[in-house]
Amino acid sequence: MELHQRGVDLLVNVLDAVDRIDQLTSAETRVLLQEVAEVMSLILERDARIALRMERRYATREQVARETKQVGPPRKNSLARQKTSGGS
C-alpha cells in the first residue's frame, strides 16, 4: 500500500508540475523525473513478480489438467463391480 500511495502522491506532483512547467527549475525537473523513474520501476517490478506468480500457478493447473487427461477418468470401485456382476 505504501507504493500505491507514493504513486498517488507522485501523480499529484506531476500534474502540478504540468500546470507550472515554465516555473520549474532544471533541478526541480530532474528531481521529479528521478522520482517518476524510481516509482515506475518499483511498480513494474512488483507487477512482474505478480505476473510470474500467476503464470506459474496457471502452468501448474494446466499441467495437472494434462496429467489428469493422460491418466483418464477415475475408475469405478472394482469391489462394487464384483458385487453387481456376481464375482468372487
N, C-alpha and C. Protein backbone atom coordinates (compact mmCIF):
# COMPACT_ATOMS: atom_id res chain seq x y z
N MET A 1 0.82 -1.19 0.00
CA MET A 1 0.00 0.00 0.00
C MET A 1 0.87 1.26 0.00
N GLU A 2 2.07 1.17 0.57
CA GLU A 2 2.97 2.33 0.58
C GLU A 2 3.32 2.75 -0.84
N LEU A 3 3.59 1.76 -1.68
CA LEU A 3 3.96 2.06 -3.06
C LEU A 3 2.79 2.73 -3.80
N HIS A 4 1.59 2.25 -3.54
CA HIS A 4 0.41 2.86 -4.16
C HIS A 4 0.30 4.33 -3.76
N GLN A 5 0.44 4.60 -2.48
CA GLN A 5 0.34 5.98 -2.00
C GLN A 5 1.45 6.84 -2.55
N ARG A 6 2.62 6.27 -2.66
CA ARG A 6 3.75 7.01 -3.23
C ARG A 6 3.45 7.36 -4.69
N GLY A 7 2.85 6.43 -5.41
CA GLY A 7 2.46 6.68 -6.79
C GLY A 7 1.40 7.76 -6.91
N VAL A 8 0.43 7.73 -6.00
CA VAL A 8 -0.62 8.76 -6.00
C VAL A 8 -0.02 10.13 -5.73
N ASP A 9 0.85 10.20 -4.73
CA ASP A 9 1.50 11.48 -4.41
C ASP A 9 2.33 11.99 -5.59
N LEU A 10 3.02 11.09 -6.23
CA LEU A 10 3.84 11.46 -7.38
C LEU A 10 2.96 11.98 -8.52
N LEU A 11 1.85 11.31 -8.76
CA LEU A 11 0.95 11.77 -9.82
C LEU A 11 0.45 13.18 -9.55
N VAL A 12 0.11 13.46 -8.30
CA VAL A 12 -0.32 14.81 -7.93
C VAL A 12 0.80 15.81 -8.21
N ASN A 13 2.03 15.44 -7.87
CA ASN A 13 3.18 16.33 -8.13
C ASN A 13 3.40 16.55 -9.63
N VAL A 14 3.26 15.50 -10.41
CA VAL A 14 3.44 15.63 -11.86
C VAL A 14 2.34 16.51 -12.45
N LEU A 15 1.11 16.31 -12.03
CA LEU A 15 0.02 17.14 -12.54
C LEU A 15 0.22 18.61 -12.16
N ASP A 16 0.72 18.83 -10.96
CA ASP A 16 1.03 20.19 -10.52
C ASP A 16 2.15 20.78 -11.38
N ALA A 17 3.16 19.97 -11.67
CA ALA A 17 4.29 20.43 -12.48
C ALA A 17 3.85 20.79 -13.89
N VAL A 18 2.90 20.03 -14.43
CA VAL A 18 2.39 20.32 -15.77
C VAL A 18 1.77 21.72 -15.80
N ASP A 19 1.07 22.08 -14.74
CA ASP A 19 0.42 23.39 -14.68
C ASP A 19 1.42 24.54 -14.54
N ARG A 20 2.62 24.26 -14.06
CA ARG A 20 3.60 25.33 -13.86
C ARG A 20 4.96 24.97 -14.45
N ILE A 21 4.93 24.31 -15.59
CA ILE A 21 6.15 23.82 -16.22
C ILE A 21 7.18 24.92 -16.47
N ASP A 22 6.70 26.12 -16.81
CA ASP A 22 7.62 27.23 -17.09
C ASP A 22 8.32 27.75 -15.84
N GLN A 23 7.77 27.45 -14.68
CA GLN A 23 8.33 27.95 -13.43
C GLN A 23 9.31 26.97 -12.78
N LEU A 24 9.36 25.73 -13.28
CA LEU A 24 10.25 24.73 -12.68
C LEU A 24 11.69 24.97 -13.08
N THR A 25 12.57 24.83 -12.11
CA THR A 25 13.99 24.91 -12.43
C THR A 25 14.42 23.55 -13.00
N SER A 26 15.56 23.52 -13.61
CA SER A 26 16.05 22.26 -14.16
C SER A 26 16.31 21.25 -13.03
N ALA A 27 16.72 21.73 -11.87
CA ALA A 27 16.94 20.84 -10.72
C ALA A 27 15.62 20.23 -10.25
N GLU A 28 14.55 21.04 -10.17
CA GLU A 28 13.24 20.53 -9.77
C GLU A 28 12.72 19.50 -10.78
N THR A 29 12.93 19.78 -12.05
CA THR A 29 12.51 18.86 -13.10
C THR A 29 13.27 17.54 -12.99
N ARG A 30 14.56 17.64 -12.75
CA ARG A 30 15.40 16.45 -12.62
C ARG A 30 14.95 15.60 -11.44
N VAL A 31 14.70 16.23 -10.29
CA VAL A 31 14.25 15.51 -9.09
C VAL A 31 12.91 14.83 -9.36
N LEU A 32 12.01 15.54 -10.00
CA LEU A 32 10.69 14.98 -10.31
C LEU A 32 10.81 13.78 -11.25
N LEU A 33 11.64 13.91 -12.28
CA LEU A 33 11.82 12.80 -13.22
C LEU A 33 12.51 11.61 -12.57
N GLN A 34 13.44 11.87 -11.66
CA GLN A 34 14.09 10.77 -10.94
C GLN A 34 13.07 10.02 -10.08
N GLU A 35 12.19 10.76 -9.45
CA GLU A 35 11.14 10.13 -8.63
C GLU A 35 10.18 9.33 -9.51
N VAL A 36 9.83 9.86 -10.66
CA VAL A 36 8.98 9.13 -11.61
C VAL A 36 9.66 7.82 -12.01
N ALA A 37 10.92 7.89 -12.35
CA ALA A 37 11.66 6.69 -12.77
C ALA A 37 11.71 5.66 -11.64
N GLU A 38 11.97 6.09 -10.43
CA GLU A 38 12.07 5.16 -9.30
C GLU A 38 10.73 4.50 -9.00
N VAL A 39 9.67 5.30 -8.92
CA VAL A 39 8.36 4.75 -8.58
C VAL A 39 7.86 3.83 -9.69
N MET A 40 8.05 4.23 -10.93
CA MET A 40 7.62 3.38 -12.04
C MET A 40 8.40 2.06 -12.05
N SER A 41 9.68 2.11 -11.76
CA SER A 41 10.49 0.90 -11.70
C SER A 41 9.98 -0.05 -10.61
N LEU A 42 9.66 0.50 -9.46
CA LEU A 42 9.15 -0.32 -8.37
C LEU A 42 7.80 -0.93 -8.72
N ILE A 43 6.94 -0.15 -9.35
CA ILE A 43 5.62 -0.66 -9.74
C ILE A 43 5.77 -1.77 -10.77
N LEU A 44 6.62 -1.56 -11.77
CA LEU A 44 6.83 -2.58 -12.80
C LEU A 44 7.45 -3.85 -12.21
N GLU A 45 8.37 -3.69 -11.28
CA GLU A 45 8.99 -4.84 -10.63
C GLU A 45 7.94 -5.64 -9.86
N ARG A 46 7.11 -4.93 -9.12
CA ARG A 46 6.04 -5.58 -8.36
C ARG A 46 5.08 -6.31 -9.29
N ASP A 47 4.67 -5.65 -10.37
CA ASP A 47 3.73 -6.27 -11.31
C ASP A 47 4.35 -7.47 -12.01
N ALA A 48 5.63 -7.41 -12.28
CA ALA A 48 6.31 -8.55 -12.93
C ALA A 48 6.32 -9.75 -11.99
N ARG A 49 6.57 -9.52 -10.71
CA ARG A 49 6.54 -10.63 -9.74
C ARG A 49 5.16 -11.24 -9.66
N ILE A 50 4.13 -10.41 -9.65
CA ILE A 50 2.75 -10.90 -9.59
C ILE A 50 2.42 -11.70 -10.84
N ALA A 51 2.80 -11.18 -12.00
CA ALA A 51 2.53 -11.86 -13.26
C ALA A 51 3.24 -13.21 -13.31
N LEU A 52 4.47 -13.26 -12.85
CA LEU A 52 5.22 -14.51 -12.84
C LEU A 52 4.56 -15.53 -11.93
N ARG A 53 4.13 -15.07 -10.76
CA ARG A 53 3.44 -15.96 -9.83
C ARG A 53 2.16 -16.52 -10.45
N MET A 54 1.40 -15.66 -11.12
CA MET A 54 0.16 -16.10 -11.77
C MET A 54 0.46 -17.07 -12.91
N GLU A 55 1.51 -16.79 -13.65
CA GLU A 55 1.89 -17.66 -14.76
C GLU A 55 2.27 -19.04 -14.24
N ARG A 56 3.02 -19.09 -13.16
CA ARG A 56 3.39 -20.38 -12.57
C ARG A 56 2.16 -21.13 -12.08
N ARG A 57 1.24 -20.41 -11.46
CA ARG A 57 0.02 -21.03 -10.96
C ARG A 57 -0.79 -21.59 -12.12
N TYR A 58 -0.90 -20.82 -13.21
CA TYR A 58 -1.65 -21.26 -14.38
C TYR A 58 -0.97 -22.46 -15.01
N ALA A 59 0.35 -22.42 -15.12
CA ALA A 59 1.09 -23.53 -15.72
C ALA A 59 0.90 -24.78 -14.89
N THR A 60 0.89 -24.67 -13.57
CA THR A 60 0.69 -25.82 -12.71
C THR A 60 -0.70 -26.41 -12.92
N ARG A 61 -1.72 -25.58 -13.00
CA ARG A 61 -3.07 -26.06 -13.24
C ARG A 61 -3.18 -26.74 -14.60
N GLU A 62 -2.54 -26.14 -15.59
CA GLU A 62 -2.56 -26.71 -16.93
C GLU A 62 -1.86 -28.06 -16.94
N GLN A 63 -0.75 -28.16 -16.23
CA GLN A 63 0.00 -29.41 -16.16
C GLN A 63 -0.84 -30.48 -15.47
N VAL A 64 -1.51 -30.13 -14.40
CA VAL A 64 -2.37 -31.09 -13.69
C VAL A 64 -3.48 -31.55 -14.61
N ALA A 65 -4.06 -30.63 -15.37
CA ALA A 65 -5.13 -31.00 -16.30
C ALA A 65 -4.62 -31.97 -17.35
N ARG A 66 -3.43 -31.72 -17.88
CA ARG A 66 -2.85 -32.63 -18.87
C ARG A 66 -2.59 -34.00 -18.27
N GLU A 67 -2.02 -34.02 -17.07
CA GLU A 67 -1.72 -35.29 -16.42
C GLU A 67 -3.00 -36.06 -16.12
N THR A 68 -4.04 -35.35 -15.73
CA THR A 68 -5.32 -35.99 -15.44
C THR A 68 -5.89 -36.61 -16.70
N LYS A 69 -5.79 -35.92 -17.81
CA LYS A 69 -6.29 -36.46 -19.08
C LYS A 69 -5.50 -37.69 -19.48
N GLN A 70 -4.20 -37.70 -19.22
CA GLN A 70 -3.38 -38.85 -19.59
C GLN A 70 -3.75 -40.08 -18.76
N VAL A 71 -4.07 -39.86 -17.51
CA VAL A 71 -4.42 -40.96 -16.64
C VAL A 71 -5.82 -41.45 -16.96
N GLY A 72 -6.69 -40.58 -17.38
CA GLY A 72 -8.06 -40.94 -17.72
C GLY A 72 -9.00 -40.69 -16.56
N PRO A 73 -10.28 -40.91 -16.79
CA PRO A 73 -11.26 -40.65 -15.74
C PRO A 73 -11.10 -41.66 -14.60
N PRO A 74 -11.55 -41.31 -13.42
CA PRO A 74 -11.43 -42.24 -12.30
C PRO A 74 -12.26 -43.50 -12.56
N ARG A 75 -11.73 -44.64 -12.19
CA ARG A 75 -12.43 -45.91 -12.38
C ARG A 75 -13.43 -46.11 -11.27
N LYS A 76 -14.48 -46.85 -11.60
CA LYS A 76 -15.45 -47.20 -10.57
C LYS A 76 -14.82 -48.20 -9.63
N ASN A 77 -15.35 -48.27 -8.46
CA ASN A 77 -14.83 -49.18 -7.44
C ASN A 77 -14.94 -50.61 -7.95
N SER A 78 -13.82 -51.30 -8.02
CA SER A 78 -13.81 -52.67 -8.54
C SER A 78 -14.60 -53.61 -7.63
N LEU A 79 -14.64 -53.34 -6.34
CA LEU A 79 -15.40 -54.17 -5.42
C LEU A 79 -16.88 -54.06 -5.72
N ALA A 80 -17.34 -52.86 -6.03
CA ALA A 80 -18.74 -52.66 -6.37
C ALA A 80 -19.09 -53.41 -7.65
N ARG A 81 -18.19 -53.48 -8.62
CA ARG A 81 -18.44 -54.22 -9.86
C ARG A 81 -18.53 -55.71 -9.58
N GLN A 82 -17.69 -56.21 -8.69
CA GLN A 82 -17.72 -57.63 -8.37
C GLN A 82 -19.05 -58.03 -7.75
N LYS A 83 -19.59 -57.18 -6.88
CA LYS A 83 -20.86 -57.47 -6.22
C LYS A 83 -22.00 -57.49 -7.22
N THR A 84 -22.03 -56.53 -8.15
CA THR A 84 -23.13 -56.45 -9.11
C THR A 84 -23.02 -57.51 -10.18
N SER A 85 -21.81 -57.98 -10.52
CA SER A 85 -21.66 -58.99 -11.54
C SER A 85 -21.65 -60.39 -10.96
N GLY A 86 -21.73 -60.46 -9.67
CA GLY A 86 -21.74 -61.77 -9.01
C GLY A 86 -20.38 -62.38 -8.93
N GLY A 87 -19.36 -61.61 -9.01
CA GLY A 87 -17.98 -62.10 -8.94
C GLY A 87 -17.63 -62.56 -7.56
N SER A 88 -16.42 -63.03 -7.37
CA SER A 88 -15.96 -63.58 -6.10
C SER A 88 -16.00 -62.58 -5.07
